Protein backbone atom coordinates (compact mmCIF):
# COMPACT_ATOMS: atom_id res chain seq x y z
CA MET A 1 -2.96 -11.99 45.16
CA GLN A 2 -5.02 -9.80 42.84
CA PRO A 3 -2.04 -7.93 41.31
CA VAL A 4 -0.31 -11.28 40.66
CA LYS A 5 -3.48 -12.63 39.01
CA THR A 6 -3.69 -9.54 36.81
CA ILE A 7 -0.08 -9.91 35.72
CA LEU A 8 -0.59 -13.60 34.88
CA ILE A 9 -3.64 -12.69 32.78
CA LEU A 10 -1.64 -10.16 30.82
CA ILE A 11 1.18 -12.60 30.32
CA MET A 12 -1.26 -15.21 29.01
CA LYS A 13 -2.89 -12.68 26.67
CA PHE A 14 0.51 -11.75 25.27
CA PHE A 15 1.54 -15.29 24.61
CA LEU A 16 -1.78 -16.34 23.21
CA LEU A 17 -1.81 -13.62 20.55
CA PRO A 18 -2.50 -15.02 17.07
CA ALA A 19 0.66 -16.40 15.29
CA VAL A 20 0.06 -13.90 12.52
CA ALA A 21 0.52 -10.92 14.86
CA PHE A 22 4.20 -10.53 13.91
CA ALA A 23 6.25 -12.48 11.39
CA GLN A 24 9.82 -13.56 11.80
CA VAL A 25 12.07 -11.78 9.26
CA PRO A 26 15.09 -13.77 8.00
CA ASP A 27 18.38 -11.87 7.79
CA SER A 28 18.36 -12.25 4.00
CA LEU A 29 15.37 -12.36 1.61
CA ASN A 30 15.24 -12.87 -2.12
CA ALA A 31 13.27 -10.88 -4.70
CA THR A 32 10.01 -12.70 -3.97
CA LEU A 33 10.37 -12.78 -0.13
CA ASP A 34 10.69 -16.62 0.00
CA GLY A 35 11.08 -17.52 3.70
CA TYR A 36 8.97 -14.61 4.97
CA GLN A 37 5.45 -15.64 6.07
CA TYR A 38 2.37 -13.53 5.21
CA PRO A 39 -0.47 -13.47 7.68
CA TYR A 40 -2.71 -15.56 5.35
CA GLU A 41 -2.20 -18.08 2.62
CA VAL A 42 -0.50 -16.64 -0.50
CA LYS A 43 -1.59 -17.91 -3.91
CA HIS A 44 -0.47 -16.98 -7.41
CA ILE A 45 -1.83 -16.48 -10.87
CA THR A 46 0.28 -16.37 -13.98
CA ILE A 47 -0.19 -13.52 -16.44
CA THR A 48 1.70 -12.65 -19.54
CA LEU A 49 3.65 -9.39 -19.76
CA GLU A 50 5.65 -8.44 -22.89
CA GLY A 51 5.67 -12.04 -23.95
CA GLN A 52 6.87 -13.59 -20.70
CA PRO A 53 4.93 -15.50 -17.99
CA VAL A 54 4.86 -13.58 -14.72
CA LYS A 55 3.52 -14.73 -11.32
CA MET A 56 1.30 -12.35 -9.37
CA ALA A 57 0.82 -13.12 -5.69
CA TYR A 58 -2.27 -12.46 -3.68
CA MET A 59 -4.19 -13.30 -0.50
CA ASP A 60 -7.93 -14.08 -0.65
CA VAL A 61 -9.42 -14.20 2.80
CA ALA A 62 -13.02 -15.34 3.22
CA ALA A 63 -15.49 -13.45 5.41
CA SER A 64 -15.93 -15.04 8.81
CA LYS A 65 -19.67 -14.56 8.31
CA GLY A 66 -21.91 -14.29 5.31
CA GLY A 67 -20.42 -17.13 3.32
CA SER A 68 -20.00 -16.86 -0.46
CA ASN A 69 -22.43 -14.01 -0.68
CA ALA A 70 -20.20 -11.65 1.34
CA PRO A 71 -19.24 -8.37 -0.40
CA ALA A 72 -15.65 -8.15 -1.54
CA VAL A 73 -13.01 -5.50 -0.68
CA MET A 74 -9.60 -5.19 -2.28
CA LEU A 75 -6.65 -3.62 -0.50
CA LEU A 76 -3.83 -2.12 -2.62
CA HIS A 77 -0.40 -1.55 -1.12
CA GLY A 78 2.03 1.32 -1.36
CA LYS A 79 5.33 1.43 -3.19
CA ASN A 80 7.55 0.73 -0.19
CA PHE A 81 5.22 -2.02 1.14
CA PHE A 82 3.44 -5.27 0.22
CA GLY A 83 0.24 -6.99 1.05
CA ALA A 84 1.24 -8.27 4.49
CA TYR A 85 1.11 -4.74 6.09
CA TRP A 86 -2.71 -4.86 5.72
CA ARG A 87 -2.72 -7.65 8.35
CA GLN A 88 -4.97 -5.90 10.89
CA THR A 89 -7.30 -4.47 8.35
CA ILE A 90 -7.77 -7.84 6.64
CA ASP A 91 -8.67 -9.42 10.03
CA TYR A 92 -11.06 -6.57 10.88
CA LEU A 93 -12.92 -6.59 7.52
CA SER A 94 -13.12 -10.40 7.48
CA LYS A 95 -14.67 -10.37 10.93
CA ASN A 96 -17.17 -7.76 9.74
CA GLY A 97 -18.48 -9.81 6.87
CA PHE A 98 -16.17 -8.98 3.94
CA ARG A 99 -14.20 -11.10 1.58
CA VAL A 100 -10.79 -9.47 1.45
CA ILE A 101 -8.50 -9.71 -1.60
CA VAL A 102 -4.97 -8.38 -1.23
CA PRO A 103 -2.73 -8.54 -4.35
CA ASP A 104 1.00 -7.90 -4.43
CA GLN A 105 1.37 -5.99 -7.62
CA VAL A 106 3.84 -7.38 -10.20
CA GLY A 107 7.14 -5.91 -9.08
CA PHE A 108 6.33 -6.00 -5.37
CA GLY A 109 6.18 -8.38 -2.44
CA LYS A 110 5.94 -12.03 -3.33
CA SER A 111 5.13 -11.33 -6.98
CA ASP A 112 7.75 -11.65 -9.76
CA LYS A 113 10.02 -8.73 -10.52
CA PRO A 114 10.26 -8.74 -14.37
CA GLU A 115 12.16 -6.11 -16.31
CA VAL A 116 9.14 -4.55 -18.11
CA TYR A 117 7.56 -1.16 -18.76
CA TYR A 118 5.74 -0.50 -15.53
CA ASN A 119 2.60 1.69 -15.81
CA PHE A 120 -0.61 2.09 -13.85
CA HIS A 121 -2.83 1.02 -16.71
CA GLN A 122 -1.02 -2.31 -16.88
CA LEU A 123 -1.16 -2.79 -13.09
CA ALA A 124 -4.87 -2.08 -13.14
CA GLN A 125 -5.38 -4.55 -15.99
CA ASN A 126 -3.38 -7.19 -14.08
CA THR A 127 -5.56 -6.62 -11.07
CA GLN A 128 -8.70 -6.90 -13.14
CA GLN A 129 -7.43 -10.13 -14.60
CA LEU A 130 -6.88 -11.47 -11.05
CA LEU A 131 -10.50 -10.55 -10.09
CA LYS A 132 -11.85 -12.26 -13.17
CA GLN A 133 -9.98 -15.45 -12.35
CA LEU A 134 -11.42 -15.26 -8.82
CA GLY A 135 -14.91 -14.75 -10.24
CA VAL A 136 -15.28 -11.30 -8.61
CA GLN A 137 -17.56 -8.99 -10.65
CA GLN A 138 -17.82 -6.12 -8.19
CA ILE A 139 -15.54 -4.94 -5.45
CA ALA A 140 -14.81 -1.98 -3.14
CA VAL A 141 -11.17 -0.76 -3.67
CA VAL A 142 -9.01 0.65 -0.92
CA GLY A 143 -5.61 2.09 -1.84
CA HIS A 144 -2.84 3.40 0.27
CA SER A 145 -0.08 5.71 -0.95
CA MET A 146 0.93 4.38 -4.46
CA GLY A 147 -2.01 1.99 -4.02
CA GLY A 148 -4.17 5.14 -4.06
CA MET A 149 -2.87 6.11 -7.47
CA LEU A 150 -3.48 2.56 -8.72
CA ALA A 151 -6.95 2.48 -7.10
CA THR A 152 -7.83 5.71 -8.87
CA ARG A 153 -6.62 4.33 -12.22
CA PHE A 154 -8.50 1.12 -11.60
CA ALA A 155 -11.75 3.00 -10.81
CA LEU A 156 -11.34 5.12 -13.95
CA MET A 157 -10.75 2.08 -16.11
CA TYR A 158 -13.28 -0.25 -14.49
CA PRO A 159 -16.08 1.76 -12.94
CA GLU A 160 -18.51 -1.11 -13.46
CA THR A 161 -16.30 -3.24 -11.25
CA THR A 162 -15.59 -0.66 -8.57
CA THR A 163 -18.48 -0.26 -6.08
CA LYS A 164 -16.64 2.17 -3.83
CA LEU A 165 -13.21 3.85 -3.64
CA VAL A 166 -11.19 4.56 -0.55
CA LEU A 167 -8.02 6.57 -0.84
CA GLU A 168 -5.79 6.49 2.28
CA ASN A 169 -3.08 9.12 2.15
CA PRO A 170 -2.58 8.49 -1.55
CA ILE A 171 0.44 9.92 -3.31
CA GLY A 172 -0.02 11.66 -6.65
CA LEU A 173 -2.33 14.37 -5.31
CA GLU A 174 0.02 16.80 -7.07
CA ASP A 175 2.16 16.54 -10.18
CA TYR A 176 5.72 15.84 -8.99
CA ARG A 177 7.15 16.62 -12.43
CA LEU A 178 6.55 20.28 -11.83
CA PHE A 179 8.86 20.61 -8.91
CA VAL A 180 10.96 17.38 -8.46
CA PRO A 181 14.01 17.27 -10.76
CA PHE A 182 13.92 14.65 -13.43
CA LYS A 183 16.25 11.64 -13.03
CA THR A 184 17.17 9.14 -15.65
CA LEU A 185 16.67 5.42 -15.05
CA ASP A 186 20.42 5.05 -14.65
CA GLN A 187 20.47 7.71 -11.99
CA LEU A 188 17.50 6.21 -10.19
CA LEU A 189 19.10 2.73 -10.29
CA GLU A 190 22.44 4.00 -8.86
CA ASN A 191 20.45 5.57 -6.03
CA GLU A 192 18.50 2.39 -5.33
CA LYS A 193 21.67 0.34 -5.22
CA LYS A 194 22.90 2.48 -2.27
CA THR A 195 19.88 1.47 -0.17
CA THR A 196 20.55 -0.14 3.24
CA GLU A 197 18.35 -1.15 6.09
CA GLU A 198 19.41 1.94 7.92
CA SER A 199 18.48 4.21 5.05
CA ILE A 200 15.07 2.48 4.76
CA ARG A 201 14.58 2.89 8.51
CA LYS A 202 15.39 6.64 8.31
CA TYR A 203 12.85 7.12 5.48
CA HIS A 204 10.13 5.05 7.21
CA GLN A 205 10.50 7.17 10.31
CA THR A 206 9.11 10.12 8.27
CA TYR A 207 5.86 8.14 7.81
CA TYR A 208 4.80 8.35 11.48
CA THR A 209 4.39 10.98 14.14
CA SER A 210 6.29 8.70 16.50
CA TRP A 211 8.06 5.37 16.13
CA LYS A 212 6.80 2.14 17.58
CA PRO A 213 8.47 -1.32 17.62
CA ALA A 214 5.53 -2.73 15.60
CA TYR A 215 6.73 -0.80 12.57
CA ASP A 216 10.13 -2.63 12.51
CA GLU A 217 8.79 -5.43 10.39
CA TRP A 218 8.15 -3.09 7.44
CA VAL A 219 11.79 -1.96 7.63
CA LYS A 220 13.42 -5.32 8.25
CA VAL A 221 11.74 -7.03 5.25
CA PRO A 222 13.09 -4.70 2.52
CA GLY A 223 16.25 -4.40 4.58
CA ALA A 224 16.75 -8.20 4.31
CA GLN A 225 16.34 -7.90 0.55
CA THR A 226 19.29 -5.55 0.35
CA ARG A 227 21.56 -8.29 1.75
CA HIS A 228 20.51 -10.93 -0.86
CA THR A 229 22.25 -11.69 -4.09
CA SER A 230 19.06 -10.91 -6.01
CA TYR A 231 18.87 -7.37 -4.75
CA ALA A 232 19.93 -5.97 -8.10
CA LYS A 233 16.64 -7.14 -9.50
CA VAL A 234 14.67 -5.51 -6.65
CA ALA A 235 16.64 -2.24 -7.11
CA GLU A 236 15.90 -2.20 -10.81
CA VAL A 237 12.18 -2.63 -10.36
CA ALA A 238 12.23 0.06 -7.65
CA ALA A 239 13.72 2.46 -10.17
CA LEU A 240 11.23 1.55 -12.84
CA THR A 241 8.30 1.98 -10.49
CA TYR A 242 9.55 5.36 -9.25
CA ALA A 243 9.63 6.42 -12.86
CA MET A 244 6.07 5.18 -13.23
CA ILE A 245 4.88 7.33 -10.30
CA TYR A 246 6.80 10.40 -11.50
CA GLN A 247 5.72 10.17 -15.11
CA GLN A 248 2.05 9.07 -14.80
CA PRO A 249 0.09 11.48 -12.56
CA VAL A 250 -3.60 10.90 -11.89
CA VAL A 251 -4.23 14.24 -10.32
CA TYR A 252 -5.75 15.72 -13.54
CA GLU A 253 -8.40 12.99 -13.66
CA PHE A 254 -9.96 13.00 -10.22
CA GLU A 255 -12.96 14.88 -11.60
CA LYS A 256 -13.69 11.97 -13.93
CA LEU A 257 -14.29 9.46 -11.08
CA LYS A 258 -17.81 8.11 -11.07
CA VAL A 259 -17.84 5.94 -7.91
CA PRO A 260 -18.55 6.86 -4.27
CA THR A 261 -15.23 7.92 -2.84
CA LEU A 262 -13.83 8.35 0.67
CA LEU A 263 -10.54 10.13 1.38
CA ILE A 264 -8.86 9.37 4.70
CA ILE A 265 -5.97 11.74 5.26
CA GLY A 266 -3.49 11.74 8.12
CA GLN A 267 -2.85 15.42 8.65
CA GLN A 268 0.86 15.13 9.62
CA ASP A 269 1.80 13.55 6.28
CA ARG A 270 4.32 15.50 4.24
CA THR A 271 5.21 12.87 1.65
CA ILE A 272 6.76 13.89 -1.58
CA VAL A 273 7.90 11.31 -4.10
CA GLY A 274 11.48 12.29 -4.92
CA LYS A 275 11.89 14.58 -1.95
CA GLY A 276 15.57 13.82 -1.71
CA TYR A 277 16.14 15.16 -5.17
CA ILE A 278 14.75 18.62 -4.36
CA GLU A 279 17.52 21.17 -3.81
CA GLU A 280 15.32 24.16 -3.21
CA LYS A 281 14.20 23.50 0.33
CA GLN A 282 11.56 26.08 0.19
CA LYS A 283 9.62 23.76 -2.04
CA LEU A 284 9.27 21.33 0.85
CA LYS A 285 7.11 23.96 2.60
CA THR A 286 4.76 24.41 -0.40
CA HIS A 287 4.40 20.82 -1.52
CA GLY A 288 3.57 17.56 0.24
CA GLN A 289 1.08 19.46 2.46
CA TYR A 290 -1.54 16.78 2.95
CA PRO A 291 -4.12 18.87 4.83
CA GLN A 292 -4.48 21.18 1.73
CA LEU A 293 -3.97 18.36 -0.77
CA GLY A 294 -6.70 16.27 0.84
CA ARG A 295 -9.19 19.19 0.72
CA SER A 296 -8.43 20.06 -2.86
CA THR A 297 -8.70 16.45 -3.92
CA ALA A 298 -12.07 16.02 -2.14
CA LYS A 299 -13.33 19.02 -4.07
CA ALA A 300 -12.13 17.56 -7.34
CA ILE A 301 -13.77 14.18 -6.88
CA PRO A 302 -17.56 14.43 -7.37
CA GLY A 303 -19.34 13.77 -4.12
CA ALA A 304 -16.22 12.72 -2.25
CA LYS A 305 -16.23 12.43 1.52
CA LEU A 306 -13.13 13.63 3.39
CA VAL A 307 -11.96 12.39 6.82
CA GLU A 308 -9.06 14.29 8.34
CA LEU A 309 -7.14 12.50 11.05
CA PRO A 310 -5.16 14.91 13.34
CA ASN A 311 -1.72 13.81 14.61
CA VAL A 312 -1.54 10.95 12.14
CA GLY A 313 1.07 10.61 9.44
CA HIS A 314 1.31 8.75 6.10
CA ILE A 315 -0.13 5.31 7.14
CA PRO A 316 -3.31 5.66 9.20
CA HIS A 317 -4.10 1.94 9.03
CA LEU A 318 -0.84 1.23 11.01
CA GLU A 319 -0.59 4.37 13.14
CA ALA A 320 -4.25 4.85 14.04
CA THR A 321 -5.66 1.46 13.19
CA ASP A 322 -8.88 1.57 15.26
CA ILE A 323 -9.73 5.12 14.10
CA PHE A 324 -9.04 4.15 10.49
CA HIS A 325 -11.33 1.12 10.75
CA GLN A 326 -14.11 3.26 12.44
CA HIS A 327 -14.24 5.45 9.38
CA LEU A 328 -13.63 2.70 6.83
CA LEU A 329 -16.36 0.22 7.86
CA PRO A 330 -19.45 2.54 7.83
CA PHE A 331 -18.41 3.78 4.31
CA LEU A 332 -18.02 0.25 2.99
CA LYS A 333 -21.34 -0.84 4.38
């Protein structure tokens, strides 16, 4: 009877998993992901951008211990993602005594998608405004991918607010303008309009060393948006934010950072923003090489610590969650 008992225990564990483990994804989702449930309560603040009120979404998860005196950590998402993909890291940090704040930047996730000039300075200012409204004066900042570019800009603009900086496979470690062909906004928009769930899946598969069913959610959510009548708005913002990344490098300013910094770099990552626009394929062998980019960035940032994760791709917090957390927590503490 022992094998039967073991099987029953495994079944019970599976069905007793927290409700937030995986979210149901509707077949169609609008620009602000109405109908798709985040792992924690989503709130909004209203900010003014170019004369118009804009809602910015965020999660604010209390520490499970330490109460109101718990140190705060902010998690910043990548371009092709939104706050919900930090689900496991939010849970881990909360259980380890941190208040965790996870904004959806304006133009992403459950935040509004206004037609404005997108730039990292503005996103950083929006984020600082959120922290002020929440009464947070100091916070550790963790940024993944595009969130790493934003986290860098935030730390440069608000060093007195930023206690520590963690860059997880950030993009922008090289100047894409030097080797990726320029595209006009019209060209970028036409390309975004062609997006399908299948094309999203094909691109997301390059993020990991091997595919797992758990990654499906991060494909299905943007895929559902392509089938909604509001997708034109999503596509427009995607083009505008691509232009932001392309035109506003932070690579030349790493040496100006004045906060303790940790770089966590999956060594199999070969991400290049605008890779599909590169016709000279030889450039793919000389750019997007994260082992070298991580080391050169660590040298550029005063006192930076570098953690290299073998056999891990662009998203360590999803692909190697436990290992990512094992390096993250001691640095934050």
